[in-house]
Amino acid sequence: MRLAQSHSYKIQGLIPATGKGKTFGTFGELLQGVGDKNGLDFLVTFPIQMYSYATFYFDSKMNSLKVNPSHKKKSLQFISQILIDHGYPPVGRLEIFSEMPEGKGLASSSADLVAVARAIEDCLGLKLSTTYLLSLMREIEPTDGVMYKGVVSFYHRKVELCRFLGTLPPLTVVGIDEGGEIDTVQFNDTPKPFTQIEKKEYDFLHQKITQAISEQDVESIGKVSTRSAQLNQKIRPKRLLDSIIQISKDVEGVGVAVAHSGTYLGILLDPRRQTYPSQLEQAQKLMGQFSEDVMLFHSLTFE
């Protein structure tokens, strides 16, 4: 991206600077669907201990803005707009590293954007409001609510907060990837053919998980997440879901979780149980029937 000559930018007196930022990803969603009362698509985030990292090198003497990896065009568009909006020339070098694979439903793209915002804040001493960030992200793609320090109910197509729900208790996900990549933008643009009865159930599940998170009720969180995964089979079926649910029952897990618009699914375990070590060993062994790459994910409790 080349520096436009028609703008008046803050250049005089600027010295080269570097800033860093990071933002967590999610293991899909604890709940995702369409409400009956307002008809809006919503999701409930599942923050995990995996991150996107961004480093921004700003030097007003540079004449272009570059990003590495070069295919991160959304991040390039995002940081360029932030710089222009705050009177800075869109120049510099942006480096992004993500622990989350792309196209899998782990919020890698949303985490990239928020990490970029944190890096530019650190670099230039800016304070970017959540309202401002949401307005920019809304122009780019449907977005997960990874800019909040906790679990949120989020209208991802509108890119608007529904409500802050709190933080999760410790949870482990024994997960696998069914393979392939999903275009999240295309998925979210597709109408969801849920019946009114199903939408009413989503409203009930929304209320139930709100209460469960408030009460740190792991069993209820698992039940809602499992039911949401089952309802999602109507639009983005996971071929292994029934088998994974059975394994969860066999190891006495608390349920399953899926990336509703992605390819990951897994068993939820409570690491505070005395039986956790044996449950974990058994779950990994049984999940190994379906994949050589069984991965462990851990909820982010924001402690």
C-alpha atoms as a PDB file:
ATOM      1  CA  MET A   1       0.000   0.000   0.000  1.00  0.00           C
ATOM      2  CA  ARG A   2       1.601   3.281  -1.181  1.00  0.00           C
ATOM      3  CA  LEU A   3       1.430   6.592   0.679  1.00  0.00           C
ATOM      4  CA  ALA A   4      -1.207   8.913  -0.827  1.00  0.00           C
ATOM      5  CA  GLN A   5       0.090  12.417  -1.524  1.00  0.00           C
ATOM      6  CA  SER A   6      -3.203  14.309  -1.192  1.00  0.00           C
ATOM      7  CA  HIS A   7      -3.546  14.031   2.601  1.00  0.00           C
ATOM      8  CA  SER A   8      -2.095  16.246   5.300  1.00  0.00           C
ATOM      9  CA  TYR A   9      -0.502  13.960   7.873  1.00  0.00           C
ATOM     10  CA  LYS A  10       1.256  14.287  11.231  1.00  0.00           C
ATOM     11  CA  ILE A  11       4.823  13.827  10.021  1.00  0.00           C
ATOM     12  CA  GLN A  12       6.980  16.619  11.398  1.00  0.00           C
ATOM     13  CA  GLY A  13       8.712  15.633  14.606  1.00  0.00           C
ATOM     14  CA  LEU A  14       7.616  11.992  14.470  1.00  0.00           C
ATOM     15  CA  ILE A  15      10.285   9.461  15.376  1.00  0.00           C
ATOM     16  CA  PRO A  16      10.307   5.772  14.466  1.00  0.00           C
ATOM     17  CA  ALA A  17       8.407   3.664  16.990  1.00  0.00           C
ATOM     18  CA  THR A  18       7.428   0.050  17.607  1.00  0.00           C
ATOM     19  CA  GLY A  19       4.344  -1.356  19.307  1.00  0.00           C
ATOM     20  CA  LYS A  20       3.119  -4.819  20.196  1.00  0.00           C
ATOM     21  CA  GLY A  21      -0.335  -6.290  20.837  1.00  0.00           C
ATOM     22  CA  LYS A  22      -2.005  -9.646  21.332  1.00  0.00           C
ATOM     23  CA  THR A  23      -5.567 -10.953  21.499  1.00  0.00           C
ATOM     24  CA  PHE A  24      -7.019 -14.346  22.366  1.00  0.00           C
ATOM     25  CA  GLY A  25      -8.845 -16.686  20.039  1.00  0.00           C
ATOM     26  CA  THR A  26     -11.870 -18.871  20.726  1.00  0.00           C
ATOM     27  CA  PHE A  27     -12.758 -22.541  20.447  1.00  0.00           C
ATOM     28  CA  GLY A  28     -15.704 -21.823  18.219  1.00  0.00           C
ATOM     29  CA  GLU A  29     -18.659 -20.764  20.338  1.00  0.00           C
ATOM     30  CA  LEU A  30     -20.492 -22.051  23.374  1.00  0.00           C
ATOM     31  CA  LEU A  31     -23.738 -21.102  21.670  1.00  0.00           C
ATOM     32  CA  GLN A  32     -24.610 -19.732  18.246  1.00  0.00           C
ATOM     33  CA  GLY A  33     -27.969 -19.291  16.613  1.00  0.00           C
ATOM     34  CA  VAL A  34     -30.832 -16.939  15.873  1.00  0.00           C
ATOM     35  CA  GLY A  35     -33.135 -15.506  18.522  1.00  0.00           C
ATOM     36  CA  ASP A  36     -36.911 -15.519  18.231  1.00  0.00           C
ATOM     37  CA  LYS A  37     -37.598 -12.279  20.104  1.00  0.00           C
ATOM     38  CA  ASN A  38     -35.398 -10.067  17.900  1.00  0.00           C
ATOM     39  CA  GLY A  39     -34.554 -12.327  14.957  1.00  0.00           C
ATOM     40  CA  LEU A  40     -30.837 -11.538  15.236  1.00  0.00           C
ATOM     41  CA  ASP A  41     -27.920 -13.894  14.689  1.00  0.00           C
ATOM     42  CA  PHE A  42     -25.884 -14.131  17.890  1.00  0.00           C
ATOM     43  CA  LEU A  43     -23.068 -16.101  19.440  1.00  0.00           C
ATOM     44  CA  VAL A  44     -21.578 -16.643  22.891  1.00  0.00           C
ATOM     45  CA  THR A  45     -17.790 -16.603  22.838  1.00  0.00           C
ATOM     46  CA  PHE A  46     -15.522 -19.341  24.188  1.00  0.00           C
ATOM     47  CA  PRO A  47     -12.177 -17.626  24.928  1.00  0.00           C
ATOM     48  CA  ILE A  48      -9.148 -19.915  24.966  1.00  0.00           C
ATOM     49  CA  GLN A  49      -5.460 -19.625  25.782  1.00  0.00           C
ATOM     50  CA  MET A  50      -4.327 -19.192  22.182  1.00  0.00           C
ATOM     51  CA  TYR A  51      -3.387 -15.842  20.707  1.00  0.00           C
ATOM     52  CA  SER A  52      -2.733 -13.668  17.707  1.00  0.00           C
ATOM     53  CA  TYR A  53       0.306 -11.403  18.061  1.00  0.00           C
ATOM     54  CA  ALA A  54       0.963  -8.196  16.136  1.00  0.00           C
ATOM     55  CA  THR A  55       4.017  -5.944  15.952  1.00  0.00           C
ATOM     56  CA  PHE A  56       3.843  -2.572  14.206  1.00  0.00           C
ATOM     57  CA  TYR A  57       6.957  -0.676  13.133  1.00  0.00           C
ATOM     58  CA  PHE A  58       6.121   2.949  12.305  1.00  0.00           C
ATOM     59  CA  ASP A  59       8.514   5.281  10.488  1.00  0.00           C
ATOM     60  CA  SER A  60       7.125   8.384   8.776  1.00  0.00           C
ATOM     61  CA  LYS A  61      10.086   8.328   6.367  1.00  0.00           C
ATOM     62  CA  MET A  62       8.787   5.123   4.831  1.00  0.00           C
ATOM     63  CA  ASN A  63       6.621   5.462   1.739  1.00  0.00           C
ATOM     64  CA  SER A  64       4.418   2.373   2.016  1.00  0.00           C
ATOM     65  CA  LEU A  65       2.545   0.134   4.434  1.00  0.00           C
ATOM     66  CA  LYS A  66       3.310  -3.566   4.315  1.00  0.00           C
ATOM     67  CA  VAL A  67       2.065  -6.592   6.191  1.00  0.00           C
ATOM     68  CA  ASN A  68       3.662  -9.961   6.772  1.00  0.00           C
ATOM     69  CA  PRO A  69       2.254 -12.510   5.991  1.00  0.00           C
ATOM     70  CA  SER A  70       1.274 -10.671   2.809  1.00  0.00           C
ATOM     71  CA  HIS A  71      -2.145 -12.354   2.541  1.00  0.00           C
ATOM     72  CA  LYS A  72      -3.390 -10.582   5.711  1.00  0.00           C
ATOM     73  CA  LYS A  73      -5.215  -8.000   3.590  1.00  0.00           C
ATOM     74  CA  LYS A  74      -7.954  -7.367   6.148  1.00  0.00           C
ATOM     75  CA  SER A  75      -5.375  -6.381   8.753  1.00  0.00           C
ATOM     76  CA  LEU A  76      -3.672  -4.114   6.222  1.00  0.00           C
ATOM     77  CA  GLN A  77      -6.960  -2.383   5.431  1.00  0.00           C
ATOM     78  CA  PHE A  78      -7.734  -2.096   9.143  1.00  0.00           C
ATOM     79  CA  ILE A  79      -4.460  -0.516  10.239  1.00  0.00           C
ATOM     80  CA  SER A  80      -4.387   1.830   7.260  1.00  0.00           C
ATOM     81  CA  GLN A  81      -7.782   3.228   8.203  1.00  0.00           C
ATOM     82  CA  ILE A  82      -6.781   3.679  11.853  1.00  0.00           C
ATOM     83  CA  LEU A  83      -3.656   5.612  10.849  1.00  0.00           C
ATOM     84  CA  ILE A  84      -5.544   7.853   8.429  1.00  0.00           C
ATOM     85  CA  ASP A  85      -8.375   8.488  10.888  1.00  0.00           C
ATOM     86  CA  HIS A  86      -5.858   9.705  13.481  1.00  0.00           C
ATOM     87  CA  GLY A  87      -3.873  11.897  11.126  1.00  0.00           C
ATOM     88  CA  TYR A  88      -0.910   9.619  10.546  1.00  0.00           C
ATOM     89  CA  PRO A  89       0.464   8.579   7.164  1.00  0.00           C
ATOM     90  CA  PRO A  90      -0.406   4.981   6.284  1.00  0.00           C
ATOM     91  CA  VAL A  91       3.185   3.773   6.337  1.00  0.00           C
ATOM     92  CA  GLY A  92       5.154   1.204   8.273  1.00  0.00           C
ATOM     93  CA  ARG A  93       5.554  -2.528   8.604  1.00  0.00           C
ATOM     94  CA  LEU A  94       3.058  -4.848  10.296  1.00  0.00           C
ATOM     95  CA  GLU A  95       4.026  -8.341  11.440  1.00  0.00           C
ATOM     96  CA  ILE A  96       1.329 -10.834  12.500  1.00  0.00           C
ATOM     97  CA  PHE A  97       1.721 -14.257  14.038  1.00  0.00           C
ATOM     98  CA  SER A  98      -1.287 -16.334  15.047  1.00  0.00           C
ATOM     99  CA  GLU A  99      -1.400 -19.533  17.061  1.00  0.00           C
ATOM    100  CA  MET A 100      -4.844 -20.205  15.544  1.00  0.00           C
ATOM    101  CA  PRO A 101      -5.073 -21.756  12.065  1.00  0.00           C
ATOM    102  CA  GLU A 102      -7.185 -19.840   9.555  1.00  0.00           C
ATOM    103  CA  GLY A 103     -10.568 -20.952   8.256  1.00  0.00           C
ATOM    104  CA  LYS A 104     -11.217 -23.273  11.214  1.00  0.00           C
ATOM    105  CA  GLY A 105     -13.643 -21.228  13.299  1.00  0.00           C
ATOM    106  CA  LEU A 106     -11.154 -20.251  16.026  1.00  0.00           C
ATOM    107  CA  ALA A 107     -11.613 -16.484  15.553  1.00  0.00           C
ATOM    108  CA  SER A 108      -8.166 -16.062  13.982  1.00  0.00           C
ATOM    109  CA  SER A 109      -9.215 -13.175  11.738  1.00  0.00           C
ATOM    110  CA  SER A 110     -11.000 -11.241  14.495  1.00  0.00           C
ATOM    111  CA  ALA A 111      -8.083 -11.842  16.872  1.00  0.00           C
ATOM    112  CA  ASP A 112      -5.658 -10.543  14.221  1.00  0.00           C
ATOM    113  CA  LEU A 113      -7.585  -7.284  13.890  1.00  0.00           C
ATOM    114  CA  VAL A 114      -7.820  -6.615  17.609  1.00  0.00           C
ATOM    115  CA  ALA A 115      -4.139  -7.502  18.106  1.00  0.00           C
ATOM    116  CA  VAL A 116      -3.299  -4.989  15.361  1.00  0.00           C
ATOM    117  CA  ALA A 117      -5.347  -2.337  17.159  1.00  0.00           C
ATOM    118  CA  ARG A 118      -3.478  -3.029  20.414  1.00  0.00           C
ATOM    119  CA  ALA A 119      -0.133  -2.826  18.599  1.00  0.00           C
ATOM    120  CA  ILE A 120      -0.905   0.551  17.068  1.00  0.00           C
ATOM    121  CA  GLU A 121      -2.117   1.850  20.438  1.00  0.00           C
ATOM    122  CA  ASP A 122       1.180   0.748  21.964  1.00  0.00           C
ATOM    123  CA  CYS A 123       3.213   2.196  19.101  1.00  0.00           C
ATOM    124  CA  LEU A 124       1.634   5.646  18.837  1.00  0.00           C
ATOM    125  CA  GLY A 125       0.148   6.124  22.288  1.00  0.00           C
ATOM    126  CA  LEU A 126      -3.411   6.063  20.997  1.00  0.00           C
ATOM    127  CA  LYS A 127      -6.493   5.020  22.940  1.00  0.00           C
ATOM    128  CA  LEU A 128      -8.974   3.430  20.555  1.00  0.00           C
ATOM    129  CA  SER A 129     -12.498   3.049  21.889  1.00  0.00           C
ATOM    130  CA  THR A 130     -14.353  -0.218  21.505  1.00  0.00           C
ATOM    131  CA  THR A 131     -17.114   1.655  19.653  1.00  0.00           C
ATOM    132  CA  TYR A 132     -14.575   2.941  17.139  1.00  0.00           C
ATOM    133  CA  LEU A 133     -13.000  -0.493  16.631  1.00  0.00           C
ATOM    134  CA  LEU A 134     -16.386  -2.126  16.120  1.00  0.00           C
ATOM    135  CA  SER A 135     -17.305   0.492  13.515  1.00  0.00           C
ATOM    136  CA  LEU A 136     -14.152  -0.327  11.525  1.00  0.00           C
ATOM    137  CA  MET A 137     -14.514  -4.086  11.900  1.00  0.00           C
ATOM    138  CA  ARG A 138     -18.123  -3.873  10.780  1.00  0.00           C
ATOM    139  CA  GLU A 139     -16.892  -2.632   7.398  1.00  0.00           C
ATOM    140  CA  ILE A 140     -14.588  -5.621   6.994  1.00  0.00           C
ATOM    141  CA  GLU A 141     -16.413  -8.772   8.106  1.00  0.00           C
ATOM    142  CA  PRO A 142     -18.741 -10.362  10.673  1.00  0.00           C
ATOM    143  CA  THR A 143     -16.709 -10.399  13.861  1.00  0.00           C
ATOM    144  CA  ASP A 144     -16.351 -12.391  17.061  1.00  0.00           C
ATOM    145  CA  GLY A 145     -16.386 -10.472  20.345  1.00  0.00           C
ATOM    146  CA  VAL A 146     -12.702 -10.972  21.159  1.00  0.00           C
ATOM    147  CA  MET A 147     -12.133  -7.331  22.116  1.00  0.00           C
ATOM    148  CA  TYR A 148     -13.793  -7.910  25.489  1.00  0.00           C
ATOM    149  CA  LYS A 149     -11.998  -9.412  28.488  1.00  0.00           C
ATOM    150  CA  GLY A 150     -14.446 -12.190  29.160  1.00  0.00           C
ATOM    151  CA  VAL A 151     -17.342 -14.108  27.658  1.00  0.00           C
ATOM    152  CA  VAL A 152     -19.834 -12.053  25.708  1.00  0.00           C
ATOM    153  CA  SER A 153     -23.062 -12.555  23.870  1.00  0.00           C
ATOM    154  CA  PHE A 154     -22.407 -10.883  20.549  1.00  0.00           C
ATOM    155  CA  TYR A 155     -24.420 -10.018  17.435  1.00  0.00           C
ATOM    156  CA  HIS A 156     -21.666 -11.060  15.041  1.00  0.00           C
ATOM    157  CA  ARG A 157     -23.381 -10.035  11.809  1.00  0.00           C
ATOM    158  CA  LYS A 158     -24.217  -6.582  13.172  1.00  0.00           C
ATOM    159  CA  VAL A 159     -20.828  -6.468  14.955  1.00  0.00           C
ATOM    160  CA  GLU A 160     -22.510  -5.263  18.136  1.00  0.00           C
ATOM    161  CA  LEU A 161     -22.376  -6.315  21.772  1.00  0.00           C
ATOM    162  CA  CYS A 162     -25.487  -7.949  23.201  1.00  0.00           C
ATOM    163  CA  ARG A 163     -24.233  -8.335  26.767  1.00  0.00           C
ATOM    164  CA  PHE A 164     -21.134  -9.106  28.816  1.00  0.00           C
ATOM    165  CA  LEU A 165     -21.628 -12.458  30.569  1.00  0.00           C
ATOM    166  CA  GLY A 166     -18.565 -12.746  32.816  1.00  0.00           C
ATOM    167  CA  THR A 167     -15.693 -15.224  32.784  1.00  0.00           C
ATOM    168  CA  LEU A 168     -15.536 -18.978  32.358  1.00  0.00           C
ATOM    169  CA  PRO A 169     -14.540 -21.530  34.961  1.00  0.00           C
ATOM    170  CA  PRO A 170     -11.537 -23.688  33.986  1.00  0.00           C
ATOM    171  CA  LEU A 171     -12.388 -25.999  31.078  1.00  0.00           C
ATOM    172  CA  THR A 172     -10.294 -28.274  28.895  1.00  0.00           C
ATOM    173  CA  VAL A 173     -11.261 -29.148  25.341  1.00  0.00           C
ATOM    174  CA  VAL A 174      -9.947 -32.365  23.823  1.00  0.00           C
ATOM    175  CA  GLY A 175     -10.375 -31.346  20.217  1.00  0.00           C
ATOM    176  CA  ILE A 176      -9.876 -32.495  16.659  1.00  0.00           C
ATOM    177  CA  ASP A 177     -10.138 -30.898  13.245  1.00  0.00           C
ATOM    178  CA  GLU A 178     -12.464 -32.525  10.706  1.00  0.00           C
ATOM    179  CA  GLY A 179     -10.443 -30.909   7.922  1.00  0.00           C
ATOM    180  CA  GLY A 180     -10.946 -28.304   5.230  1.00  0.00           C
ATOM    181  CA  GLU A 181     -11.441 -24.568   5.532  1.00  0.00           C
ATOM    182  CA  ILE A 182     -14.640 -22.543   5.880  1.00  0.00           C
ATOM    183  CA  ASP A 183     -15.264 -19.068   4.466  1.00  0.00           C
ATOM    184  CA  THR A 184     -16.727 -17.461   7.591  1.00  0.00           C
ATOM    185  CA  VAL A 185     -18.009 -14.411   5.723  1.00  0.00           C
ATOM    186  CA  GLN A 186     -19.933 -16.596   3.287  1.00  0.00           C
ATOM    187  CA  PHE A 187     -21.252 -18.760   6.126  1.00  0.00           C
ATOM    188  CA  ASN A 188     -22.542 -15.766   8.060  1.00  0.00           C
ATOM    189  CA  ASP A 189     -24.156 -14.284   4.956  1.00  0.00           C
ATOM    190  CA  THR A 190     -26.150 -17.481   4.399  1.00  0.00           C
ATOM    191  CA  PRO A 191     -29.715 -17.307   5.815  1.00  0.00           C
ATOM    192  CA  LYS A 192     -30.254 -19.702   8.705  1.00  0.00           C
ATOM    193  CA  PRO A 193     -33.379 -21.834   8.095  1.00  0.00           C
ATOM    194  CA  PHE A 194     -34.329 -22.270  11.744  1.00  0.00           C
ATOM    195  CA  THR A 195     -37.994 -22.713  12.614  1.00  0.00           C
ATOM    196  CA  GLN A 196     -39.749 -20.527  15.156  1.00  0.00           C
ATOM    197  CA  ILE A 197     -39.646 -23.431  17.629  1.00  0.00           C
ATOM    198  CA  GLU A 198     -35.870 -23.659  17.195  1.00  0.00           C
ATOM    199  CA  LYS A 199     -35.480 -19.901  17.586  1.00  0.00           C
ATOM    200  CA  LYS A 200     -37.469 -20.043  20.810  1.00  0.00           C
ATOM    201  CA  GLU A 201     -35.113 -22.780  22.002  1.00  0.00           C
ATOM    202  CA  TYR A 202     -32.152 -20.539  21.174  1.00  0.00           C
ATOM    203  CA  ASP A 203     -33.687 -17.802  23.359  1.00  0.00           C
ATOM    204  CA  PHE A 204     -34.032 -20.348  26.175  1.00  0.00           C
ATOM    205  CA  LEU A 205     -30.435 -21.557  25.726  1.00  0.00           C
ATOM    206  CA  HIS A 206     -29.252 -17.950  25.683  1.00  0.00           C
ATOM    207  CA  GLN A 207     -30.900 -17.324  29.047  1.00  0.00           C
ATOM    208  CA  LYS A 208     -29.628 -20.629  30.431  1.00  0.00           C
ATOM    209  CA  ILE A 209     -25.978 -20.046  29.548  1.00  0.00           C
ATOM    210  CA  THR A 210     -26.147 -16.474  30.837  1.00  0.00           C
ATOM    211  CA  GLN A 211     -27.185 -17.854  34.221  1.00  0.00           C
ATOM    212  CA  ALA A 212     -24.724 -20.767  34.038  1.00  0.00           C
ATOM    213  CA  ILE A 213     -21.736 -18.475  33.462  1.00  0.00           C
ATOM    214  CA  SER A 214     -22.881 -16.172  36.251  1.00  0.00           C
ATOM    215  CA  GLU A 215     -23.068 -19.152  38.613  1.00  0.00           C
ATOM    216  CA  GLN A 216     -19.922 -20.846  37.225  1.00  0.00           C
ATOM    217  CA  ASP A 217     -22.088 -23.908  36.576  1.00  0.00           C
ATOM    218  CA  VAL A 218     -19.883 -26.143  34.431  1.00  0.00           C
ATOM    219  CA  GLU A 219     -22.523 -28.838  33.907  1.00  0.00           C
ATOM    220  CA  SER A 220     -25.082 -26.372  32.533  1.00  0.00           C
ATOM    221  CA  ILE A 221     -22.471 -24.700  30.321  1.00  0.00           C
ATOM    222  CA  GLY A 222     -21.711 -28.125  28.853  1.00  0.00           C
ATOM    223  CA  LYS A 223     -25.365 -28.948  28.268  1.00  0.00           C
ATOM    224  CA  VAL A 224     -26.005 -25.681  26.418  1.00  0.00           C
ATOM    225  CA  SER A 225     -22.870 -26.077  24.323  1.00  0.00           C
ATOM    226  CA  THR A 226     -23.825 -29.640  23.390  1.00  0.00           C
ATOM    227  CA  ARG A 227     -27.348 -28.678  22.403  1.00  0.00           C
ATOM    228  CA  SER A 228     -26.072 -25.781  20.324  1.00  0.00           C
ATOM    229  CA  ALA A 229     -23.767 -28.161  18.470  1.00  0.00           C
ATOM    230  CA  GLN A 230     -26.725 -30.444  17.736  1.00  0.00           C
ATOM    231  CA  LEU A 231     -28.907 -27.615  16.462  1.00  0.00           C
ATOM    232  CA  ASN A 232     -26.077 -26.411  14.235  1.00  0.00           C
ATOM    233  CA  GLN A 233     -26.099 -29.728  12.358  1.00  0.00           C
ATOM    234  CA  LYS A 234     -28.927 -28.261  10.307  1.00  0.00           C
ATOM    235  CA  ILE A 235     -26.638 -25.731   8.637  1.00  0.00           C
ATOM    236  CA  ARG A 236     -23.021 -26.832   9.160  1.00  0.00           C
ATOM    237  CA  PRO A 237     -23.021 -30.549  10.006  1.00  0.00           C
ATOM    238  CA  LYS A 238     -20.068 -32.196  11.727  1.00  0.00           C
ATOM    239  CA  ARG A 239     -19.838 -35.793  10.585  1.00  0.00           C
ATOM    240  CA  LEU A 240     -18.256 -36.906  13.868  1.00  0.00           C
ATOM    241  CA  LEU A 241     -20.566 -35.041  16.265  1.00  0.00           C
ATOM    242  CA  ASP A 242     -22.638 -38.043  17.398  1.00  0.00           C
ATOM    243  CA  SER A 243     -19.476 -40.070  18.013  1.00  0.00           C
ATOM    244  CA  ILE A 244     -17.875 -37.237  19.991  1.00  0.00           C
ATOM    245  CA  ILE A 245     -20.991 -36.821  22.130  1.00  0.00           C
ATOM    246  CA  GLN A 246     -20.895 -40.550  22.900  1.00  0.00           C
ATOM    247  CA  ILE A 247     -17.219 -40.334  23.889  1.00  0.00           C
ATOM    248  CA  SER A 248     -18.053 -37.426  26.199  1.00  0.00           C
ATOM    249  CA  LYS A 249     -20.660 -39.612  27.878  1.00  0.00           C
ATOM    250  CA  ASP A 250     -18.229 -42.552  28.078  1.00  0.00           C
ATOM    251  CA  VAL A 251     -15.568 -40.483  29.863  1.00  0.00           C
ATOM    252  CA  GLU A 252     -18.167 -38.577  31.917  1.00  0.00           C
ATOM    253  CA  GLY A 253     -17.227 -35.242  30.381  1.00  0.00           C
ATOM    254  CA  VAL A 254     -19.416 -32.175  30.736  1.00  0.00           C
ATOM    255  CA  GLY A 255     -20.387 -32.034  27.059  1.00  0.00           C
ATOM    256  CA  VAL A 256     -19.023 -31.004  23.680  1.00  0.00           C
ATOM    257  CA  ALA A 257     -18.139 -27.773  21.936  1.00  0.00           C
ATOM    258  CA  VAL A 258     -17.856 -26.959  18.232  1.00  0.00           C
ATOM    259  CA  ALA A 259     -16.748 -24.236  15.907  1.00  0.00           C
ATOM    260  CA  HIS A 260     -20.201 -23.572  14.456  1.00  0.00           C
ATOM    261  CA  SER A 261     -18.828 -21.947  11.300  1.00  0.00           C
ATOM    262  CA  GLY A 262     -15.617 -23.979  11.290  1.00  0.00           C
ATOM    263  CA  THR A 263     -14.118 -27.440  11.389  1.00  0.00           C
ATOM    264  CA  TYR A 264     -13.135 -28.088  15.016  1.00  0.00           C
ATOM    265  CA  LEU A 265     -15.088 -30.015  17.628  1.00  0.00           C
ATOM    266  CA  GLY A 266     -14.159 -31.440  20.980  1.00  0.00           C
ATOM    267  CA  ILE A 267     -15.046 -32.840  24.394  1.00  0.00           C
ATOM    268  CA  LEU A 268     -15.344 -30.559  27.424  1.00  0.00           C
ATOM    269  CA  LEU A 269     -13.678 -31.664  30.662  1.00  0.00           C
ATOM    270  CA  ASP A 270     -13.572 -30.030  34.092  1.00  0.00           C
ATOM    271  CA  PRO A 271      -9.896 -29.976  35.191  1.00  0.00           C
ATOM    272  CA  ARG A 272     -10.909 -29.438  38.828  1.00  0.00           C
ATOM    273  CA  ARG A 273     -12.371 -32.931  39.124  1.00  0.00           C
ATOM    274  CA  GLN A 274     -10.325 -35.554  40.930  1.00  0.00           C
ATOM    275  CA  THR A 275     -10.947 -37.928  38.006  1.00  0.00           C
ATOM    276  CA  TYR A 276      -9.629 -35.393  35.455  1.00  0.00           C
ATOM    277  CA  PRO A 277      -6.254 -37.100  34.745  1.00  0.00           C
ATOM    278  CA  SER A 278      -7.891 -40.425  33.896  1.00  0.00           C
ATOM    279  CA  GLN A 279     -10.702 -38.706  31.956  1.00  0.00           C
ATOM    280  CA  LEU A 280      -8.150 -36.766  29.918  1.00  0.00           C
ATOM    281  CA  GLU A 281      -6.101 -39.860  29.117  1.00  0.00           C
ATOM    282  CA  GLN A 282      -9.177 -41.823  28.067  1.00  0.00           C
ATOM    283  CA  ALA A 283     -10.617 -38.958  26.017  1.00  0.00           C
ATOM    284  CA  GLN A 284      -7.355 -38.475  24.117  1.00  0.00           C
ATOM    285  CA  LYS A 285      -7.159 -42.188  23.388  1.00  0.00           C
ATOM    286  CA  LEU A 286     -10.748 -42.414  22.121  1.00  0.00           C
ATOM    287  CA  MET A 287     -10.492 -39.208  20.071  1.00  0.00           C
ATOM    288  CA  GLY A 288      -7.356 -40.658  18.510  1.00  0.00           C
ATOM    289  CA  GLN A 289      -9.612 -43.043  16.581  1.00  0.00           C
ATOM    290  CA  PHE A 290     -10.583 -40.123  14.367  1.00  0.00           C
ATOM    291  CA  SER A 291      -7.412 -38.064  14.141  1.00  0.00           C
ATOM    292  CA  GLU A 292      -3.684 -38.432  14.663  1.00  0.00           C
ATOM    293  CA  ASP A 293      -3.595 -34.825  15.824  1.00  0.00           C
ATOM    294  CA  VAL A 294      -5.668 -34.616  19.010  1.00  0.00           C
ATOM    295  CA  MET A 295      -5.190 -31.157  20.520  1.00  0.00           C
ATOM    296  CA  LEU A 296      -5.818 -29.713  23.963  1.00  0.00           C
ATOM    297  CA  PHE A 297      -7.365 -26.274  24.402  1.00  0.00           C
ATOM    298  CA  HIS A 298      -7.853 -24.468  27.707  1.00  0.00           C
ATOM    299  CA  SER A 299     -10.440 -21.843  28.571  1.00  0.00           C
ATOM    300  CA  LEU A 300      -9.182 -18.352  29.306  1.00  0.00           C
ATOM    301  CA  THR A 301     -10.371 -17.370  32.766  1.00  0.00           C
ATOM    302  CA  PHE A 302      -8.880 -13.812  32.747  1.00  0.00           C
ATOM    303  CA  GLU A 303      -7.502 -14.225  36.257  1.00  0.00           C
END
